[in-house]
Amino acid sequence: MPRFDLAVLSRCTPGEEQAFEDWYANQHLPDVCKIDGVVSARLTKVCYQKDYDLNAPPYGYLAIYEMDGEDGAEIMSRILEVSGTDAMPLSPALNRDKMVQAIGETIATYP
């Protein structure tokens, strides 16, 4: 079965870092992992960013989700279907402006 990674670059509302991190770690990651096809999730704090003249805003966080299934876009559709509902509430501390979501199919791993 194909393996996919979903990477999300996001920011929080200024001054809301603790609320954002608490929501993401204790609510959002578990909610996303309930979606069929999502295997695991982790949240990291961005400590380096280079945008190569894309003029991207400074992102504070990188979330990586591992997904198993035949179609990464289909798994993403299931996530988006419940995003913002009672099944997956969003935090007001999340700044969605210019948030980046990207799915890649694993072609190699090492070691």
PDB file of N, CA and C in Angstrom:
ATOM      1  N   MET A   1       0.843  -1.170   0.000  1.00  0.00           N
ATOM      2  CA  MET A   1       0.000   0.000   0.000  1.00  0.00           C
ATOM      3  C   MET A   1       0.899   1.247   0.000  1.00  0.00           C
ATOM      4  N   PRO A   2       0.575   2.230  -0.827  1.00  0.00           N
ATOM      5  CA  PRO A   2       1.394   3.441  -0.863  1.00  0.00           C
ATOM      6  C   PRO A   2       1.386   4.182   0.479  1.00  0.00           C
ATOM      7  N   ARG A   3       2.482   4.840   0.773  1.00  0.00           N
ATOM      8  CA  ARG A   3       2.623   5.667   1.976  1.00  0.00           C
ATOM      9  C   ARG A   3       2.785   7.111   1.516  1.00  0.00           C
ATOM     10  N   PHE A   4       2.082   8.007   2.208  1.00  0.00           N
ATOM     11  CA  PHE A   4       2.136   9.434   1.897  1.00  0.00           C
ATOM     12  C   PHE A   4       2.506  10.209   3.150  1.00  0.00           C
ATOM     13  N   ASP A   5       3.092  11.372   2.947  1.00  0.00           N
ATOM     14  CA  ASP A   5       3.314  12.322   4.020  1.00  0.00           C
ATOM     15  C   ASP A   5       2.542  13.589   3.685  1.00  0.00           C
ATOM     16  N   LEU A   6       1.834  14.096   4.668  1.00  0.00           N
ATOM     17  CA  LEU A   6       1.184  15.398   4.561  1.00  0.00           C
ATOM     18  C   LEU A   6       1.988  16.345   5.433  1.00  0.00           C
ATOM     19  N   ALA A   7       2.500  17.407   4.846  1.00  0.00           N
ATOM     20  CA  ALA A   7       3.238  18.427   5.594  1.00  0.00           C
ATOM     21  C   ALA A   7       2.401  19.698   5.621  1.00  0.00           C
ATOM     22  N   VAL A   8       2.278  20.286   6.810  1.00  0.00           N
ATOM     23  CA  VAL A   8       1.506  21.513   6.977  1.00  0.00           C
ATOM     24  C   VAL A   8       2.384  22.551   7.659  1.00  0.00           C
ATOM     25  N   LEU A   9       2.571  23.675   6.999  1.00  0.00           N
ATOM     26  CA  LEU A   9       3.262  24.823   7.578  1.00  0.00           C
ATOM     27  C   LEU A   9       2.205  25.808   8.043  1.00  0.00           C
ATOM     28  N   SER A  10       2.254  26.174   9.319  1.00  0.00           N
ATOM     29  CA  SER A  10       1.227  27.062   9.853  1.00  0.00           C
ATOM     30  C   SER A  10       1.827  28.059  10.831  1.00  0.00           C
ATOM     31  N   ARG A  11       0.976  28.995  11.227  1.00  0.00           N
ATOM     32  CA  ARG A  11       1.332  30.021  12.206  1.00  0.00           C
ATOM     33  C   ARG A  11       0.181  30.144  13.185  1.00  0.00           C
ATOM     34  N   CYS A  12       0.475  30.787  14.283  1.00  0.00           N
ATOM     35  CA  CYS A  12      -0.599  31.061  15.232  1.00  0.00           C
ATOM     36  C   CYS A  12      -0.787  32.568  15.352  1.00  0.00           C
ATOM     37  N   THR A  13      -1.905  32.924  15.934  1.00  0.00           N
ATOM     38  CA  THR A  13      -2.164  34.327  16.224  1.00  0.00           C
ATOM     39  C   THR A  13      -1.092  34.814  17.203  1.00  0.00           C
ATOM     40  N   PRO A  14      -0.468  35.968  16.953  1.00  0.00           N
ATOM     41  CA  PRO A  14       0.566  36.454  17.865  1.00  0.00           C
ATOM     42  C   PRO A  14       0.068  36.495  19.320  1.00  0.00           C
ATOM     43  N   GLY A  15       0.914  36.001  20.206  1.00  0.00           N
ATOM     44  CA  GLY A  15       0.583  35.971  21.614  1.00  0.00           C
ATOM     45  C   GLY A  15      -0.216  34.756  22.036  1.00  0.00           C
ATOM     46  N   GLU A  16      -0.594  33.903  21.081  1.00  0.00           N
ATOM     47  CA  GLU A  16      -1.422  32.736  21.368  1.00  0.00           C
ATOM     48  C   GLU A  16      -0.650  31.423  21.240  1.00  0.00           C
ATOM     49  N   GLU A  17       0.675  31.483  21.363  1.00  0.00           N
ATOM     50  CA  GLU A  17       1.501  30.308  21.148  1.00  0.00           C
ATOM     51  C   GLU A  17       1.121  29.144  22.058  1.00  0.00           C
ATOM     52  N   GLN A  18       0.943  29.413  23.344  1.00  0.00           N
ATOM     53  CA  GLN A  18       0.625  28.325  24.278  1.00  0.00           C
ATOM     54  C   GLN A  18      -0.729  27.702  23.977  1.00  0.00           C
ATOM     55  N   ALA A  19      -1.733  28.517  23.703  1.00  0.00           N
ATOM     56  CA  ALA A  19      -3.064  28.007  23.358  1.00  0.00           C
ATOM     57  C   ALA A  19      -3.001  27.191  22.066  1.00  0.00           C
ATOM     58  N   PHE A  20      -2.247  27.682  21.088  1.00  0.00           N
ATOM     59  CA  PHE A  20      -2.100  26.992  19.810  1.00  0.00           C
ATOM     60  C   PHE A  20      -1.435  25.630  20.000  1.00  0.00           C
ATOM     61  N   GLU A  21      -0.310  25.628  20.715  1.00  0.00           N
ATOM     62  CA  GLU A  21       0.414  24.375  20.924  1.00  0.00           C
ATOM     63  C   GLU A  21      -0.418  23.373  21.721  1.00  0.00           C
ATOM     64  N   ASP A  22      -1.131  23.832  22.741  1.00  0.00           N
ATOM     65  CA  ASP A  22      -1.997  22.934  23.519  1.00  0.00           C
ATOM     66  C   ASP A  22      -3.095  22.341  22.646  1.00  0.00           C
ATOM     67  N   TRP A  23      -3.764  23.193  21.865  1.00  0.00           N
ATOM     68  CA  TRP A  23      -4.832  22.716  20.970  1.00  0.00           C
ATOM     69  C   TRP A  23      -4.270  21.728  19.951  1.00  0.00           C
ATOM     70  N   TYR A  24      -3.156  22.095  19.318  1.00  0.00           N
ATOM     71  CA  TYR A  24      -2.617  21.242  18.259  1.00  0.00           C
ATOM     72  C   TYR A  24      -2.206  19.881  18.810  1.00  0.00           C
ATOM     73  N   ALA A  25      -1.471  19.884  19.926  1.00  0.00           N
ATOM     74  CA  ALA A  25      -0.947  18.633  20.488  1.00  0.00           C
ATOM     75  C   ALA A  25      -2.027  17.765  21.115  1.00  0.00           C
ATOM     76  N   ASN A  26      -2.966  18.380  21.806  1.00  0.00           N
ATOM     77  CA  ASN A  26      -3.936  17.610  22.594  1.00  0.00           C
ATOM     78  C   ASN A  26      -5.291  17.424  21.936  1.00  0.00           C
ATOM     79  N   GLN A  27      -5.602  18.227  20.915  1.00  0.00           N
ATOM     80  CA  GLN A  27      -6.894  18.118  20.235  1.00  0.00           C
ATOM     81  C   GLN A  27      -6.722  17.755  18.761  1.00  0.00           C
ATOM     82  N   HIS A  28      -5.970  18.586  18.049  1.00  0.00           N
ATOM     83  CA  HIS A  28      -5.940  18.447  16.595  1.00  0.00           C
ATOM     84  C   HIS A  28      -5.221  17.186  16.116  1.00  0.00           C
ATOM     85  N   LEU A  29      -4.026  16.927  16.636  1.00  0.00           N
ATOM     86  CA  LEU A  29      -3.318  15.721  16.188  1.00  0.00           C
ATOM     87  C   LEU A  29      -4.136  14.459  16.443  1.00  0.00           C
ATOM     88  N   PRO A  30      -4.722  14.269  17.653  1.00  0.00           N
ATOM     89  CA  PRO A  30      -5.552  13.083  17.863  1.00  0.00           C
ATOM     90  C   PRO A  30      -6.781  13.045  16.937  1.00  0.00           C
ATOM     91  N   ASP A  31      -7.400  14.205  16.688  1.00  0.00           N
ATOM     92  CA  ASP A  31      -8.561  14.237  15.790  1.00  0.00           C
ATOM     93  C   ASP A  31      -8.185  13.807  14.377  1.00  0.00           C
ATOM     94  N   VAL A  32      -7.070  14.314  13.869  1.00  0.00           N
ATOM     95  CA  VAL A  32      -6.642  13.947  12.509  1.00  0.00           C
ATOM     96  C   VAL A  32      -6.309  12.459  12.447  1.00  0.00           C
ATOM     97  N   CYS A  33      -5.694  11.930  13.502  1.00  0.00           N
ATOM     98  CA  CYS A  33      -5.314  10.513  13.503  1.00  0.00           C
ATOM     99  C   CYS A  33      -6.514   9.572  13.578  1.00  0.00           C
ATOM    100  N   LYS A  34      -7.696  10.091  13.857  1.00  0.00           N
ATOM    101  CA  LYS A  34      -8.915   9.277  13.824  1.00  0.00           C
ATOM    102  C   LYS A  34      -9.401   9.045  12.395  1.00  0.00           C
ATOM    103  N   ILE A  35      -8.891   9.814  11.444  1.00  0.00           N
ATOM    104  CA  ILE A  35      -9.307   9.700  10.044  1.00  0.00           C
ATOM    105  C   ILE A  35      -8.695   8.445   9.439  1.00  0.00           C
ATOM    106  N   ASP A  36      -9.534   7.664   8.763  1.00  0.00           N
ATOM    107  CA  ASP A  36      -9.074   6.449   8.103  1.00  0.00           C
ATOM    108  C   ASP A  36      -7.952   6.778   7.118  1.00  0.00           C
ATOM    109  N   GLY A  37      -6.820   6.133   7.282  1.00  0.00           N
ATOM    110  CA  GLY A  37      -5.666   6.339   6.410  1.00  0.00           C
ATOM    111  C   GLY A  37      -4.556   7.136   7.062  1.00  0.00           C
ATOM    112  N   VAL A  38      -4.861   7.866   8.152  1.00  0.00           N
ATOM    113  CA  VAL A  38      -3.820   8.626   8.847  1.00  0.00           C
ATOM    114  C   VAL A  38      -3.206   7.721   9.906  1.00  0.00           C
ATOM    115  N   VAL A  39      -1.914   7.498   9.808  1.00  0.00           N
ATOM    116  CA  VAL A  39      -1.203   6.545  10.652  1.00  0.00           C
ATOM    117  C   VAL A  39      -0.587   7.215  11.880  1.00  0.00           C
ATOM    118  N   SER A  40       0.014   8.382  11.695  1.00  0.00           N
ATOM    119  CA  SER A  40       0.673   9.066  12.804  1.00  0.00           C
ATOM    120  C   SER A  40       0.772  10.554  12.492  1.00  0.00           C
ATOM    121  N   ALA A  41       1.101  11.323  13.537  1.00  0.00           N
ATOM    122  CA  ALA A  41       1.223  12.767  13.358  1.00  0.00           C
ATOM    123  C   ALA A  41       2.224  13.312  14.357  1.00  0.00           C
ATOM    124  N   ARG A  42       2.883  14.386  13.964  1.00  0.00           N
ATOM    125  CA  ARG A  42       3.769  15.069  14.912  1.00  0.00           C
ATOM    126  C   ARG A  42       3.779  16.559  14.587  1.00  0.00           C
ATOM    127  N   LEU A  43       3.982  17.352  15.622  1.00  0.00           N
ATOM    128  CA  LEU A  43       4.060  18.803  15.494  1.00  0.00           C
ATOM    129  C   LEU A  43       5.448  19.246  15.921  1.00  0.00           C
ATOM    130  N   THR A  44       6.063  20.089  15.113  1.00  0.00           N
ATOM    131  CA  THR A  44       7.379  20.620  15.461  1.00  0.00           C
ATOM    132  C   THR A  44       7.337  22.140  15.384  1.00  0.00           C
ATOM    133  N   LYS A  45       8.208  22.757  16.136  1.00  0.00           N
ATOM    134  CA  LYS A  45       8.367  24.206  16.084  1.00  0.00           C
ATOM    135  C   LYS A  45       9.452  24.500  15.057  1.00  0.00           C
ATOM    136  N   VAL A  46       9.160  25.375  14.106  1.00  0.00           N
ATOM    137  CA  VAL A  46      10.120  25.712  13.057  1.00  0.00           C
ATOM    138  C   VAL A  46      11.266  26.508  13.676  1.00  0.00           C
ATOM    139  N   CYS A  47      12.485  26.056  13.414  1.00  0.00           N
ATOM    140  CA  CYS A  47      13.653  26.767  13.933  1.00  0.00           C
ATOM    141  C   CYS A  47      14.498  27.347  12.799  1.00  0.00           C
ATOM    142  N   TYR A  48      14.150  27.031  11.549  1.00  0.00           N
ATOM    143  CA  TYR A  48      14.856  27.586  10.394  1.00  0.00           C
ATOM    144  C   TYR A  48      13.894  27.574   9.218  1.00  0.00           C
ATOM    145  N   GLN A  49      13.907  28.659   8.460  1.00  0.00           N
ATOM    146  CA  GLN A  49      13.074  28.738   7.266  1.00  0.00           C
ATOM    147  C   GLN A  49      13.785  29.562   6.215  1.00  0.00           C
ATOM    148  N   LYS A  50      13.838  29.060   5.011  1.00  0.00           N
ATOM    149  CA  LYS A  50      14.381  29.777   3.851  1.00  0.00           C
ATOM    150  C   LYS A  50      13.367  29.621   2.743  1.00  0.00           C
ATOM    151  N   ASP A  51      12.873  30.721   2.206  1.00  0.00           N
ATOM    152  CA  ASP A  51      11.795  30.610   1.222  1.00  0.00           C
ATOM    153  C   ASP A  51      12.233  30.828  -0.219  1.00  0.00           C
ATOM    154  N   TYR A  52      13.510  31.088  -0.475  1.00  0.00           N
ATOM    155  CA  TYR A  52      14.030  31.246  -1.840  1.00  0.00           C
ATOM    156  C   TYR A  52      13.183  32.204  -2.671  1.00  0.00           C
ATOM    157  N   ASP A  53      12.980  33.382  -2.118  1.00  0.00           N
ATOM    158  CA  ASP A  53      12.306  34.486  -2.799  1.00  0.00           C
ATOM    159  C   ASP A  53      10.833  34.234  -3.102  1.00  0.00           C
ATOM    160  N   LEU A  54      10.202  33.351  -2.351  1.00  0.00           N
ATOM    161  CA  LEU A  54       8.760  33.131  -2.517  1.00  0.00           C
ATOM    162  C   LEU A  54       7.960  34.113  -1.672  1.00  0.00           C
ATOM    163  N   ASN A  55       8.640  34.861  -0.821  1.00  0.00           N
ATOM    164  CA  ASN A  55       8.010  35.819   0.073  1.00  0.00           C
ATOM    165  C   ASN A  55       6.975  35.172   0.982  1.00  0.00           C
ATOM    166  N   ALA A  56       7.291  33.994   1.434  1.00  0.00           N
ATOM    167  CA  ALA A  56       6.403  33.297   2.364  1.00  0.00           C
ATOM    168  C   ALA A  56       6.480  33.966   3.729  1.00  0.00           C
ATOM    169  N   PRO A  57       5.362  33.994   4.452  1.00  0.00           N
ATOM    170  CA  PRO A  57       5.420  34.550   5.802  1.00  0.00           C
ATOM    171  C   PRO A  57       6.237  33.626   6.706  1.00  0.00           C
ATOM    172  N   PRO A  58       6.701  34.130   7.819  1.00  0.00           N
ATOM    173  CA  PRO A  58       7.443  33.248   8.734  1.00  0.00           C
ATOM    174  C   PRO A  58       6.497  32.254   9.394  1.00  0.00           C
ATOM    175  N   TYR A  59       6.705  30.991   9.116  1.00  0.00           N
ATOM    176  CA  TYR A  59       5.888  29.944   9.714  1.00  0.00           C
ATOM    177  C   TYR A  59       6.484  29.572  11.061  1.00  0.00           C
ATOM    178  N   GLY A  60       5.645  29.288  12.014  1.00  0.00           N
ATOM    179  CA  GLY A  60       6.117  28.927  13.333  1.00  0.00           C
ATOM    180  C   GLY A  60       6.112  27.438  13.585  1.00  0.00           C
ATOM    181  N   TYR A  61       5.297  26.704  12.793  1.00  0.00           N
ATOM    182  CA  TYR A  61       5.087  25.293  13.085  1.00  0.00           C
ATOM    183  C   TYR A  61       5.048  24.457  11.813  1.00  0.00           C
ATOM    184  N   LEU A  62       5.527  23.230  11.947  1.00  0.00           N
ATOM    185  CA  LEU A  62       5.477  22.238  10.878  1.00  0.00           C
ATOM    186  C   LEU A  62       4.848  20.977  11.460  1.00  0.00           C
ATOM    187  N   ALA A  63       3.757  20.547  10.873  1.00  0.00           N
ATOM    188  CA  ALA A  63       3.126  19.289  11.261  1.00  0.00           C
ATOM    189  C   ALA A  63       3.333  18.294  10.125  1.00  0.00           C
ATOM    190  N   ILE A  64       3.646  17.063  10.491  1.00  0.00           N
ATOM    191  CA  ILE A  64       3.838  16.009   9.500  1.00  0.00           C
ATOM    192  C   ILE A  64       2.947  14.837   9.883  1.00  0.00           C
ATOM    193  N   TYR A  65       2.141  14.415   8.928  1.00  0.00           N
ATOM    194  CA  TYR A  65       1.221  13.295   9.112  1.00  0.00           C
ATOM    195  C   TYR A  65       1.622  12.183   8.161  1.00  0.00           C
ATOM    196  N   GLU A  66       1.735  10.965   8.657  1.00  0.00           N
ATOM    197  CA  GLU A  66       1.988   9.809   7.809  1.00  0.00           C
ATOM    198  C   GLU A  66       0.642   9.189   7.462  1.00  0.00           C
ATOM    199  N   MET A  67       0.484   8.854   6.178  1.00  0.00           N
ATOM    200  CA  MET A  67      -0.782   8.315   5.701  1.00  0.00           C
ATOM    201  C   MET A  67      -0.532   7.071   4.850  1.00  0.00           C
ATOM    202  N   ASP A  68      -1.400   6.062   5.020  1.00  0.00           N
ATOM    203  CA  ASP A  68      -1.383   4.858   4.195  1.00  0.00           C
ATOM    204  C   ASP A  68      -2.689   4.777   3.440  1.00  0.00           C
ATOM    205  N   GLY A  69      -2.619   4.531   2.154  1.00  0.00           N
ATOM    206  CA  GLY A  69      -3.824   4.382   1.343  1.00  0.00           C
ATOM    207  C   GLY A  69      -3.455   4.420  -0.122  1.00  0.00           C
ATOM    208  N   GLU A  70      -4.444   4.200  -0.944  1.00  0.00           N
ATOM    209  CA  GLU A  70      -4.209   4.192  -2.387  1.00  0.00           C
ATOM    210  C   GLU A  70      -4.092   5.598  -2.970  1.00  0.00           C
ATOM    211  N   ASP A  71      -4.678   6.591  -2.290  1.00  0.00           N
ATOM    212  CA  ASP A  71      -4.742   7.935  -2.847  1.00  0.00           C
ATOM    213  C   ASP A  71      -4.608   8.969  -1.734  1.00  0.00           C
ATOM    214  N   GLY A  72      -3.492   9.675  -1.694  1.00  0.00           N
ATOM    215  CA  GLY A  72      -3.263  10.683  -0.670  1.00  0.00           C
ATOM    216  C   GLY A  72      -4.284  11.802  -0.711  1.00  0.00           C
ATOM    217  N   ALA A  73      -4.712  12.176  -1.917  1.00  0.00           N
ATOM    218  CA  ALA A  73      -5.712  13.241  -2.042  1.00  0.00           C
ATOM    219  C   ALA A  73      -7.051  12.814  -1.443  1.00  0.00           C
ATOM    220  N   GLU A  74      -7.387  11.536  -1.545  1.00  0.00           N
ATOM    221  CA  GLU A  74      -8.631  11.033  -0.965  1.00  0.00           C
ATOM    222  C   GLU A  74      -8.568  11.097   0.561  1.00  0.00           C
ATOM    223  N   ILE A  75      -7.440  10.749   1.127  1.00  0.00           N
ATOM    224  CA  ILE A  75      -7.290  10.845   2.581  1.00  0.00           C
ATOM    225  C   ILE A  75      -7.411  12.306   2.997  1.00  0.00           C
ATOM    226  N   MET A  76      -6.786  13.205   2.240  1.00  0.00           N
ATOM    227  CA  MET A  76      -6.876  14.637   2.535  1.00  0.00           C
ATOM    228  C   MET A  76      -8.319  15.111   2.442  1.00  0.00           C
ATOM    229  N   SER A  77      -9.069  14.604   1.487  1.00  0.00           N
ATOM    230  CA  SER A  77     -10.492  14.968   1.365  1.00  0.00           C
ATOM    231  C   SER A  77     -11.265  14.579   2.615  1.00  0.00           C
ATOM    232  N   ARG A  78     -10.940  13.410   3.183  1.00  0.00           N
ATOM    233  CA  ARG A  78     -11.610  12.981   4.411  1.00  0.00           C
ATOM    234  C   ARG A  78     -11.271  13.913   5.569  1.00  0.00           C
ATOM    235  N   ILE A  79     -10.029  14.370   5.617  1.00  0.00           N
ATOM    236  CA  ILE A  79      -9.633  15.316   6.662  1.00  0.00           C
ATOM    237  C   ILE A  79     -10.393  16.626   6.495  1.00  0.00           C
ATOM    238  N   LEU A  80     -10.385  17.166   5.277  1.00  0.00           N
ATOM    239  CA  LEU A  80     -11.035  18.452   5.026  1.00  0.00           C
ATOM    240  C   LEU A  80     -12.544  18.389   5.228  1.00  0.00           C
ATOM    241  N   GLU A  81     -13.127  17.224   4.999  1.00  0.00           N
ATOM    242  CA  GLU A  81     -14.568  17.048   5.170  1.00  0.00           C
ATOM    243  C   GLU A  81     -15.017  17.322   6.606  1.00  0.00           C
ATOM    244  N   VAL A  82     -14.166  16.985   7.578  1.00  0.00           N
ATOM    245  CA  VAL A  82     -14.547  17.178   8.983  1.00  0.00           C
ATOM    246  C   VAL A  82     -13.839  18.365   9.631  1.00  0.00           C
ATOM    247  N   SER A  83     -12.880  18.960   8.947  1.00  0.00           N
ATOM    248  CA  SER A  83     -12.151  20.103   9.501  1.00  0.00           C
ATOM    249  C   SER A  83     -13.120  21.248   9.810  1.00  0.00           C
ATOM    250  N   GLY A  84     -13.055  21.736  11.034  1.00  0.00           N
ATOM    251  CA  GLY A  84     -13.922  22.831  11.446  1.00  0.00           C
ATOM    252  C   GLY A  84     -15.276  22.395  11.974  1.00  0.00           C
ATOM    253  N   THR A  85     -15.515  21.068  12.033  1.00  0.00           N
ATOM    254  CA  THR A  85     -16.767  20.556  12.584  1.00  0.00           C
ATOM    255  C   THR A  85     -16.533  20.122  14.025  1.00  0.00           C
ATOM    256  N   ASP A  86     -17.595  19.619  14.672  1.00  0.00           N
ATOM    257  CA  ASP A  86     -17.458  19.110  16.037  1.00  0.00           C
ATOM    258  C   ASP A  86     -16.469  17.947  16.109  1.00  0.00           C
ATOM    259  N   ALA A  87     -16.316  17.217  15.002  1.00  0.00           N
ATOM    260  CA  ALA A  87     -15.379  16.087  14.965  1.00  0.00           C
ATOM    261  C   ALA A  87     -13.925  16.551  14.908  1.00  0.00           C
ATOM    262  N   MET A  88     -13.698  17.768  14.433  1.00  0.00           N
ATOM    263  CA  MET A  88     -12.339  18.308  14.330  1.00  0.00           C
ATOM    264  C   MET A  88     -12.404  19.837  14.468  1.00  0.00           C
ATOM    265  N   PRO A  89     -12.663  20.309  15.687  1.00  0.00           N
ATOM    266  CA  PRO A  89     -12.755  21.762  15.869  1.00  0.00           C
ATOM    267  C   PRO A  89     -11.415  22.450  15.628  1.00  0.00           C
ATOM    268  N   LEU A  90     -11.501  23.654  15.081  1.00  0.00           N
ATOM    269  CA  LEU A  90     -10.301  24.455  14.857  1.00  0.00           C
ATOM    270  C   LEU A  90     -10.166  25.484  15.979  1.00  0.00           C
ATOM    271  N   SER A  91      -8.956  25.859  16.263  1.00  0.00           N
ATOM    272  CA  SER A  91      -8.684  26.817  17.324  1.00  0.00           C
ATOM    273  C   SER A  91      -8.666  28.234  16.770  1.00  0.00           C
ATOM    274  N   PRO A  92      -9.205  29.202  17.525  1.00  0.00           N
ATOM    275  CA  PRO A  92      -9.068  30.598  17.097  1.00  0.00           C
ATOM    276  C   PRO A  92      -7.610  31.068  17.115  1.00  0.00           C
ATOM    277  N   ALA A  93      -6.733  30.314  17.752  1.00  0.00           N
ATOM    278  CA  ALA A  93      -5.305  30.651  17.774  1.00  0.00           C
ATOM    279  C   ALA A  93      -4.613  30.294  16.457  1.00  0.00           C
ATOM    280  N   LEU A  94      -5.276  29.512  15.591  1.00  0.00           N
ATOM    281  CA  LEU A  94      -4.709  29.133  14.298  1.00  0.00           C
ATOM    282  C   LEU A  94      -4.876  30.270  13.306  1.00  0.00           C
ATOM    283  N   ASN A  95      -3.776  30.703  12.712  1.00  0.00           N
ATOM    284  CA  ASN A  95      -3.804  31.706  11.649  1.00  0.00           C
ATOM    285  C   ASN A  95      -3.689  30.947  10.329  1.00  0.00           C
ATOM    286  N   ARG A  96      -4.791  30.845   9.586  1.00  0.00           N
ATOM    287  CA  ARG A  96      -4.808  30.063   8.344  1.00  0.00           C
ATOM    288  C   ARG A  96      -4.333  30.852   7.130  1.00  0.00           C
ATOM    289  N   ASP A  97      -4.032  32.123   7.291  1.00  0.00           N
ATOM    290  CA  ASP A  97      -3.572  32.954   6.192  1.00  0.00           C
ATOM    291  C   ASP A  97      -2.250  32.400   5.641  1.00  0.00           C
ATOM    292  N   LYS A  98      -2.248  32.025   4.398  1.00  0.00           N
ATOM    293  CA  LYS A  98      -1.076  31.506   3.683  1.00  0.00           C
ATOM    294  C   LYS A  98      -0.531  30.213   4.277  1.00  0.00           C
ATOM    295  N   MET A  99      -1.381  29.473   4.973  1.00  0.00           N
ATOM    296  CA  MET A  99      -0.981  28.163   5.479  1.00  0.00           C
ATOM    297  C   MET A  99      -0.689  27.264   4.267  1.00  0.00           C
ATOM    298  N   VAL A 100       0.273  26.390   4.394  1.00  0.00           N
ATOM    299  CA  VAL A 100       0.668  25.504   3.290  1.00  0.00           C
ATOM    300  C   VAL A 100       0.387  24.061   3.685  1.00  0.00           C
ATOM    301  N   GLN A 101      -0.269  23.321   2.791  1.00  0.00           N
ATOM    302  CA  GLN A 101      -0.490  21.889   2.957  1.00  0.00           C
ATOM    303  C   GLN A 101       0.033  21.214   1.694  1.00  0.00           C
ATOM    304  N   ALA A 102       0.868  20.194   1.871  1.00  0.00           N
ATOM    305  CA  ALA A 102       1.423  19.481   0.722  1.00  0.00           C
ATOM    306  C   ALA A 102       1.476  17.995   1.032  1.00  0.00           C
ATOM    307  N   ILE A 103       1.089  17.173   0.058  1.00  0.00           N
ATOM    308  CA  ILE A 103       1.127  15.720   0.195  1.00  0.00           C
ATOM    309  C   ILE A 103       2.163  15.184  -0.774  1.00  0.00           C
ATOM    310  N   GLY A 104       2.990  14.289  -0.276  1.00  0.00           N
ATOM    311  CA  GLY A 104       3.970  13.621  -1.128  1.00  0.00           C
ATOM    312  C   GLY A 104       3.891  12.120  -0.950  1.00  0.00           C
ATOM    313  N   GLU A 105       4.039  11.380  -2.037  1.00  0.00           N
ATOM    314  CA  GLU A 105       4.076   9.924  -1.969  1.00  0.00           C
ATOM    315  C   GLU A 105       5.507   9.482  -1.725  1.00  0.00           C
ATOM    316  N   THR A 106       5.700   8.640  -0.739  1.00  0.00           N
ATOM    317  CA  THR A 106       7.032   8.162  -0.388  1.00  0.00           C
ATOM    318  C   THR A 106       7.606   7.326  -1.534  1.00  0.00           C
ATOM    319  N   ILE A 107       8.802   7.705  -1.965  1.00  0.00           N
ATOM    320  CA  ILE A 107       9.473   6.911  -3.005  1.00  0.00           C
ATOM    321  C   ILE A 107      10.736   6.261  -2.479  1.00  0.00           C
ATOM    322  N   ALA A 108      11.265   6.754  -1.376  1.00  0.00           N
ATOM    323  CA  ALA A 108      12.463   6.157  -0.784  1.00  0.00           C
ATOM    324  C   ALA A 108      12.561   6.564   0.678  1.00  0.00           C
ATOM    325  N   THR A 109      13.108   5.700   1.473  1.00  0.00           N
ATOM    326  CA  THR A 109      13.423   6.032   2.863  1.00  0.00           C
ATOM    327  C   THR A 109      14.840   5.556   3.170  1.00  0.00           C
ATOM    328  N   TYR A 110      15.445   6.186   4.151  1.00  0.00           N
ATOM    329  CA  TYR A 110      16.787   5.801   4.551  1.00  0.00           C
ATOM    330  C   TYR A 110      16.927   6.080   6.038  1.00  0.00           C
ATOM    331  N   PRO A 111      17.496   5.323   6.853  1.00  0.00           N
ATOM    332  CA  PRO A 111      17.967   3.964   6.644  1.00  0.00           C
ATOM    333  C   PRO A 111      16.821   2.987   6.648  1.00  0.00           C
TER     334      PRO A 111
END
